[in-house]
Amino acid sequence: QVQLVESGGGLVQAGGSLGLSCAASGSGFSNYDVGWFRQAPEKERAFVGLIRRTGTTYYADAVKGRATISRDNAKNTVYLQMNSLKPEDTAVYYCAAVRWVQAGPDPHKYDYWGQGTQVTVSS
């Protein structure tokens, strides 16, 4: 079992950058695929991207070219770097993890979730 804690959210101006972290407690973190999702008010939770335990990354079209996901297994942490932020990136950002299963964009495939961190992009 793993517990996830996101950090790094905040208020940023459009065009700016923000780095989010997802810190995991528990053992075997290197065996988990980790996804990032976001949820804006009155909208469904949306896939942002993921990093597999192999290090392979995938991104949603909405953030492709602006987002970079990386992981440091020694620190049990996954990172989401977002550049060229837009007001429509405003949302609560969540990380999620699943072990031994190849993760994808479906949030129901993930077993563990963090509490979320708010990102607000002002125009």
N, C-alpha and C. Protein backbone atom coordinates (compact mmCIF):
# COMPACT_ATOMS: atom_id res chain seq x y z
N GLN A 1 0.84 -1.18 0.00
CA GLN A 1 0.00 0.00 0.00
C GLN A 1 0.88 1.24 0.00
N VAL A 2 0.39 2.30 -0.62
CA VAL A 2 1.15 3.53 -0.70
C VAL A 2 0.23 4.71 -0.41
N GLN A 3 0.77 5.72 0.21
CA GLN A 3 0.04 6.96 0.44
C GLN A 3 0.71 8.06 -0.36
N LEU A 4 -0.11 8.91 -0.96
CA LEU A 4 0.39 9.95 -1.85
C LEU A 4 0.03 11.33 -1.33
N VAL A 5 0.99 12.24 -1.43
CA VAL A 5 0.77 13.61 -1.01
C VAL A 5 1.29 14.55 -2.09
N GLU A 6 0.38 15.35 -2.66
CA GLU A 6 0.78 16.33 -3.67
C GLU A 6 1.19 17.64 -2.99
N SER A 7 2.06 18.34 -3.65
CA SER A 7 2.45 19.67 -3.19
C SER A 7 2.89 20.49 -4.39
N GLY A 8 2.99 21.80 -4.16
CA GLY A 8 3.51 22.67 -5.20
C GLY A 8 2.48 23.51 -5.92
N GLY A 9 1.21 23.31 -5.60
CA GLY A 9 0.19 24.12 -6.25
C GLY A 9 0.25 25.57 -5.80
N GLY A 10 -0.50 26.39 -6.49
CA GLY A 10 -0.54 27.80 -6.13
C GLY A 10 -1.14 28.64 -7.23
N LEU A 11 -0.94 29.93 -7.11
CA LEU A 11 -1.45 30.89 -8.08
C LEU A 11 -0.31 31.33 -8.99
N VAL A 12 -0.57 31.28 -10.29
CA VAL A 12 0.45 31.66 -11.26
C VAL A 12 -0.22 32.42 -12.39
N GLN A 13 0.50 33.31 -13.00
CA GLN A 13 -0.04 34.06 -14.12
C GLN A 13 0.03 33.23 -15.39
N ALA A 14 -0.87 33.51 -16.28
CA ALA A 14 -0.86 32.84 -17.58
C ALA A 14 0.50 33.02 -18.25
N GLY A 15 0.98 31.94 -18.81
CA GLY A 15 2.29 31.94 -19.43
C GLY A 15 3.40 31.51 -18.50
N GLY A 16 3.06 31.40 -17.23
CA GLY A 16 4.05 31.02 -16.24
C GLY A 16 4.20 29.50 -16.13
N SER A 17 4.98 29.10 -15.14
CA SER A 17 5.29 27.68 -14.94
C SER A 17 5.04 27.30 -13.49
N LEU A 18 4.83 26.00 -13.30
CA LEU A 18 4.60 25.49 -11.95
C LEU A 18 5.08 24.05 -11.90
N GLY A 19 5.68 23.70 -10.78
CA GLY A 19 6.10 22.33 -10.59
C GLY A 19 5.37 21.69 -9.44
N LEU A 20 4.77 20.56 -9.69
CA LEU A 20 4.05 19.81 -8.66
C LEU A 20 4.85 18.57 -8.30
N SER A 21 4.71 18.17 -7.06
CA SER A 21 5.35 16.95 -6.59
C SER A 21 4.31 16.01 -6.03
N CYS A 22 4.58 14.75 -6.14
CA CYS A 22 3.74 13.69 -5.58
C CYS A 22 4.67 12.78 -4.79
N ALA A 23 4.61 12.92 -3.48
CA ALA A 23 5.48 12.15 -2.61
C ALA A 23 4.74 10.92 -2.10
N ALA A 24 5.39 9.79 -2.17
CA ALA A 24 4.77 8.53 -1.77
C ALA A 24 5.43 7.97 -0.53
N SER A 25 4.63 7.43 0.34
CA SER A 25 5.15 6.68 1.48
C SER A 25 4.80 5.22 1.26
N GLY A 26 5.58 4.36 1.85
CA GLY A 26 5.36 2.95 1.63
C GLY A 26 6.47 2.38 0.77
N SER A 27 6.51 1.09 0.68
CA SER A 27 7.61 0.44 -0.03
C SER A 27 7.23 0.10 -1.46
N GLY A 28 8.24 -0.14 -2.24
CA GLY A 28 8.00 -0.62 -3.60
C GLY A 28 7.50 0.42 -4.57
N PHE A 29 7.78 1.68 -4.31
CA PHE A 29 7.25 2.73 -5.17
C PHE A 29 7.69 2.57 -6.61
N SER A 30 8.85 2.03 -6.82
CA SER A 30 9.36 1.86 -8.19
C SER A 30 8.50 0.91 -9.01
N ASN A 31 7.65 0.14 -8.37
CA ASN A 31 6.79 -0.80 -9.07
C ASN A 31 5.45 -0.21 -9.47
N TYR A 32 5.25 1.05 -9.16
CA TYR A 32 3.97 1.70 -9.44
C TYR A 32 4.03 2.56 -10.70
N ASP A 33 2.97 2.50 -11.46
CA ASP A 33 2.72 3.52 -12.47
C ASP A 33 2.02 4.68 -11.76
N VAL A 34 2.37 5.90 -12.12
CA VAL A 34 1.80 7.07 -11.47
C VAL A 34 1.19 8.00 -12.51
N GLY A 35 -0.04 8.37 -12.28
CA GLY A 35 -0.72 9.28 -13.18
C GLY A 35 -1.01 10.61 -12.51
N TRP A 36 -1.16 11.61 -13.35
CA TRP A 36 -1.61 12.93 -12.89
C TRP A 36 -2.97 13.20 -13.53
N PHE A 37 -3.87 13.69 -12.72
CA PHE A 37 -5.21 14.05 -13.17
C PHE A 37 -5.53 15.45 -12.65
N ARG A 38 -6.54 16.05 -13.22
CA ARG A 38 -6.98 17.34 -12.71
C ARG A 38 -8.49 17.44 -12.82
N GLN A 39 -9.04 18.23 -11.93
CA GLN A 39 -10.49 18.40 -11.92
C GLN A 39 -10.81 19.86 -11.69
N ALA A 40 -11.43 20.46 -12.68
CA ALA A 40 -11.91 21.83 -12.58
C ALA A 40 -13.32 21.83 -12.01
N PRO A 41 -13.75 22.94 -11.46
CA PRO A 41 -15.11 23.00 -10.89
C PRO A 41 -16.16 22.57 -11.90
N GLU A 42 -17.03 21.70 -11.47
CA GLU A 42 -18.16 21.22 -12.26
C GLU A 42 -17.74 20.46 -13.51
N LYS A 43 -16.53 19.93 -13.50
CA LYS A 43 -16.06 19.12 -14.62
C LYS A 43 -15.59 17.77 -14.12
N GLU A 44 -15.54 16.83 -15.04
CA GLU A 44 -15.05 15.50 -14.72
C GLU A 44 -13.54 15.54 -14.47
N ARG A 45 -13.09 14.56 -13.70
CA ARG A 45 -11.65 14.44 -13.51
C ARG A 45 -11.01 14.05 -14.83
N ALA A 46 -9.96 14.76 -15.20
CA ALA A 46 -9.36 14.60 -16.52
C ALA A 46 -7.91 14.14 -16.41
N PHE A 47 -7.54 13.28 -17.31
CA PHE A 47 -6.18 12.77 -17.38
C PHE A 47 -5.23 13.86 -17.85
N VAL A 48 -4.10 13.97 -17.17
CA VAL A 48 -3.07 14.92 -17.58
C VAL A 48 -1.90 14.18 -18.20
N GLY A 49 -1.45 13.14 -17.53
CA GLY A 49 -0.34 12.35 -18.04
C GLY A 49 0.03 11.28 -17.03
N LEU A 50 0.99 10.45 -17.41
CA LEU A 50 1.42 9.39 -16.51
C LEU A 50 2.87 9.04 -16.78
N ILE A 51 3.45 8.40 -15.80
CA ILE A 51 4.78 7.83 -15.96
C ILE A 51 4.72 6.39 -15.47
N ARG A 52 5.13 5.50 -16.32
CA ARG A 52 5.12 4.09 -15.96
C ARG A 52 6.35 3.77 -15.12
N ARG A 53 6.34 2.61 -14.52
CA ARG A 53 7.48 2.21 -13.68
C ARG A 53 8.74 2.07 -14.52
N THR A 54 8.55 1.92 -15.82
CA THR A 54 9.70 1.85 -16.73
C THR A 54 10.28 3.22 -17.03
N GLY A 55 9.53 4.27 -16.68
CA GLY A 55 9.94 5.63 -17.00
C GLY A 55 9.27 6.19 -18.24
N THR A 56 8.55 5.36 -18.97
CA THR A 56 7.82 5.84 -20.14
C THR A 56 6.72 6.80 -19.73
N THR A 57 6.58 7.87 -20.48
CA THR A 57 5.57 8.88 -20.16
C THR A 57 4.56 9.03 -21.29
N TYR A 58 3.35 9.43 -20.91
CA TYR A 58 2.28 9.73 -21.86
C TYR A 58 1.58 10.99 -21.37
N TYR A 59 1.08 11.77 -22.33
CA TYR A 59 0.46 13.03 -21.97
C TYR A 59 -0.86 13.19 -22.72
N ALA A 60 -1.78 13.87 -22.05
CA ALA A 60 -3.01 14.24 -22.72
C ALA A 60 -2.70 15.31 -23.77
N ASP A 61 -3.52 15.33 -24.81
CA ASP A 61 -3.30 16.30 -25.87
C ASP A 61 -3.35 17.74 -25.34
N ALA A 62 -4.16 17.96 -24.31
CA ALA A 62 -4.33 19.32 -23.79
C ALA A 62 -3.06 19.88 -23.17
N VAL A 63 -2.15 19.01 -22.79
CA VAL A 63 -0.93 19.48 -22.13
C VAL A 63 0.34 19.07 -22.86
N LYS A 64 0.20 18.31 -23.92
CA LYS A 64 1.36 17.81 -24.63
C LYS A 64 2.23 18.98 -25.11
N GLY A 65 3.50 18.89 -24.85
CA GLY A 65 4.42 19.96 -25.20
C GLY A 65 4.59 21.00 -24.10
N ARG A 66 3.69 20.97 -23.12
CA ARG A 66 3.77 21.92 -22.01
C ARG A 66 4.02 21.23 -20.68
N ALA A 67 3.84 19.94 -20.64
CA ALA A 67 3.98 19.20 -19.39
C ALA A 67 5.10 18.19 -19.49
N THR A 68 5.78 18.00 -18.37
CA THR A 68 6.81 16.98 -18.28
C THR A 68 6.66 16.25 -16.95
N ILE A 69 6.56 14.94 -17.03
CA ILE A 69 6.46 14.11 -15.83
C ILE A 69 7.75 13.35 -15.68
N SER A 70 8.25 13.33 -14.46
CA SER A 70 9.48 12.60 -14.16
C SER A 70 9.33 11.94 -12.80
N ARG A 71 10.22 11.05 -12.51
CA ARG A 71 10.17 10.39 -11.21
C ARG A 71 11.58 10.19 -10.67
N ASP A 72 11.65 10.18 -9.35
CA ASP A 72 12.89 9.88 -8.64
C ASP A 72 12.53 8.80 -7.64
N ASN A 73 12.79 7.57 -8.00
CA ASN A 73 12.40 6.45 -7.14
C ASN A 73 13.17 6.45 -5.81
N ALA A 74 14.36 6.99 -5.82
CA ALA A 74 15.13 7.06 -4.58
C ALA A 74 14.46 7.98 -3.57
N LYS A 75 13.71 8.96 -4.08
CA LYS A 75 12.98 9.90 -3.21
C LYS A 75 11.50 9.58 -3.13
N ASN A 76 11.09 8.48 -3.79
CA ASN A 76 9.67 8.12 -3.79
C ASN A 76 8.79 9.28 -4.25
N THR A 77 9.22 9.96 -5.28
CA THR A 77 8.52 11.17 -5.71
C THR A 77 8.38 11.20 -7.23
N VAL A 78 7.21 11.64 -7.66
CA VAL A 78 6.94 11.90 -9.08
C VAL A 78 6.66 13.39 -9.22
N TYR A 79 7.11 13.95 -10.31
CA TYR A 79 7.01 15.38 -10.54
C TYR A 79 6.18 15.67 -11.80
N LEU A 80 5.48 16.77 -11.75
CA LEU A 80 4.78 17.28 -12.93
C LEU A 80 5.20 18.73 -13.11
N GLN A 81 5.89 19.00 -14.19
CA GLN A 81 6.28 20.37 -14.52
C GLN A 81 5.36 20.87 -15.63
N MET A 82 4.73 21.98 -15.38
CA MET A 82 3.80 22.56 -16.35
C MET A 82 4.32 23.94 -16.76
N ASN A 83 4.44 24.15 -18.05
CA ASN A 83 4.91 25.43 -18.59
C ASN A 83 3.81 26.05 -19.45
N SER A 84 4.01 27.31 -19.78
CA SER A 84 3.06 28.03 -20.63
C SER A 84 1.64 27.83 -20.14
N LEU A 85 1.45 28.03 -18.87
CA LEU A 85 0.15 27.76 -18.26
C LEU A 85 -0.92 28.69 -18.81
N LYS A 86 -2.13 28.14 -18.89
CA LYS A 86 -3.29 28.85 -19.40
C LYS A 86 -4.36 28.89 -18.33
N PRO A 87 -5.26 29.84 -18.38
CA PRO A 87 -6.35 29.86 -17.39
C PRO A 87 -7.13 28.54 -17.36
N GLU A 88 -7.26 27.88 -18.49
CA GLU A 88 -7.99 26.61 -18.51
C GLU A 88 -7.24 25.47 -17.84
N ASP A 89 -6.01 25.71 -17.42
CA ASP A 89 -5.29 24.71 -16.62
C ASP A 89 -5.67 24.78 -15.15
N THR A 90 -6.46 25.77 -14.79
CA THR A 90 -6.91 25.91 -13.41
C THR A 90 -7.72 24.70 -12.99
N ALA A 91 -7.29 24.05 -11.91
CA ALA A 91 -7.95 22.84 -11.44
C ALA A 91 -7.27 22.37 -10.17
N VAL A 92 -7.88 21.41 -9.53
CA VAL A 92 -7.19 20.65 -8.49
C VAL A 92 -6.46 19.50 -9.19
N TYR A 93 -5.19 19.40 -8.90
CA TYR A 93 -4.36 18.38 -9.53
C TYR A 93 -4.12 17.24 -8.54
N TYR A 94 -4.33 16.03 -9.03
CA TYR A 94 -4.18 14.83 -8.22
C TYR A 94 -3.13 13.91 -8.84
N CYS A 95 -2.39 13.24 -8.00
CA CYS A 95 -1.61 12.12 -8.49
C CYS A 95 -2.27 10.83 -8.01
N ALA A 96 -2.04 9.78 -8.76
CA ALA A 96 -2.64 8.49 -8.47
C ALA A 96 -1.66 7.40 -8.85
N ALA A 97 -1.77 6.26 -8.21
CA ALA A 97 -0.80 5.20 -8.44
C ALA A 97 -1.48 3.85 -8.53
N VAL A 98 -0.87 2.98 -9.29
CA VAL A 98 -1.32 1.61 -9.38
C VAL A 98 -0.09 0.73 -9.56
N ARG A 99 -0.13 -0.43 -8.94
CA ARG A 99 1.04 -1.30 -8.95
C ARG A 99 0.84 -2.49 -9.85
N TRP A 100 1.85 -2.83 -10.59
CA TRP A 100 1.90 -4.05 -11.40
C TRP A 100 0.89 -4.07 -12.55
N VAL A 101 0.19 -2.99 -12.73
CA VAL A 101 -0.77 -2.91 -13.83
C VAL A 101 -0.36 -1.75 -14.72
N GLN A 102 -0.43 -1.96 -16.02
CA GLN A 102 -0.07 -0.88 -16.93
C GLN A 102 -1.16 0.17 -16.92
N ALA A 103 -0.84 1.31 -16.40
CA ALA A 103 -1.84 2.35 -16.20
C ALA A 103 -2.12 3.07 -17.51
N GLY A 104 -3.24 3.76 -17.53
CA GLY A 104 -3.64 4.54 -18.69
C GLY A 104 -4.41 5.76 -18.25
N PRO A 105 -5.22 6.32 -19.11
CA PRO A 105 -5.93 7.55 -18.79
C PRO A 105 -7.20 7.36 -17.96
N ASP A 106 -7.62 6.13 -17.74
CA ASP A 106 -8.85 5.88 -16.98
C ASP A 106 -8.58 5.98 -15.49
N PRO A 107 -9.17 6.96 -14.82
CA PRO A 107 -8.89 7.11 -13.39
C PRO A 107 -9.33 5.91 -12.55
N HIS A 108 -10.29 5.15 -13.04
CA HIS A 108 -10.77 4.00 -12.28
C HIS A 108 -9.75 2.88 -12.19
N LYS A 109 -8.70 2.95 -13.00
CA LYS A 109 -7.68 1.91 -12.98
C LYS A 109 -6.66 2.12 -11.86
N TYR A 110 -6.73 3.26 -11.20
CA TYR A 110 -5.75 3.59 -10.18
C TYR A 110 -6.29 3.26 -8.79
N ASP A 111 -5.42 2.74 -7.94
CA ASP A 111 -5.85 2.28 -6.63
C ASP A 111 -5.63 3.32 -5.53
N TYR A 112 -4.66 4.18 -5.70
CA TYR A 112 -4.29 5.11 -4.64
C TYR A 112 -4.29 6.53 -5.19
N TRP A 113 -4.79 7.43 -4.36
CA TRP A 113 -4.93 8.83 -4.76
C TRP A 113 -4.43 9.75 -3.65
N GLY A 114 -3.86 10.87 -4.08
CA GLY A 114 -3.53 11.91 -3.13
C GLY A 114 -4.73 12.79 -2.88
N GLN A 115 -4.55 13.78 -2.04
CA GLN A 115 -5.65 14.66 -1.65
C GLN A 115 -5.84 15.81 -2.63
N GLY A 116 -4.88 16.02 -3.50
CA GLY A 116 -4.98 17.07 -4.49
C GLY A 116 -4.33 18.37 -4.06
N THR A 117 -3.92 19.14 -5.05
CA THR A 117 -3.35 20.45 -4.80
C THR A 117 -3.92 21.42 -5.83
N GLN A 118 -4.30 22.59 -5.37
CA GLN A 118 -4.97 23.56 -6.23
C GLN A 118 -3.95 24.33 -7.08
N VAL A 119 -4.24 24.40 -8.37
CA VAL A 119 -3.47 25.25 -9.28
C VAL A 119 -4.44 26.25 -9.88
N THR A 120 -4.12 27.52 -9.74
CA THR A 120 -4.94 28.59 -10.29
C THR A 120 -4.09 29.44 -11.22
N VAL A 121 -4.56 29.57 -12.45
CA VAL A 121 -3.83 30.36 -13.44
C VAL A 121 -4.66 31.60 -13.75
N SER A 122 -4.10 32.74 -13.47
CA SER A 122 -4.82 34.00 -13.71
C SER A 122 -4.48 34.54 -15.10
N SER A 123 -5.47 35.19 -15.69
CA SER A 123 -5.27 35.71 -17.05
C SER A 123 -4.72 37.14 -17.01
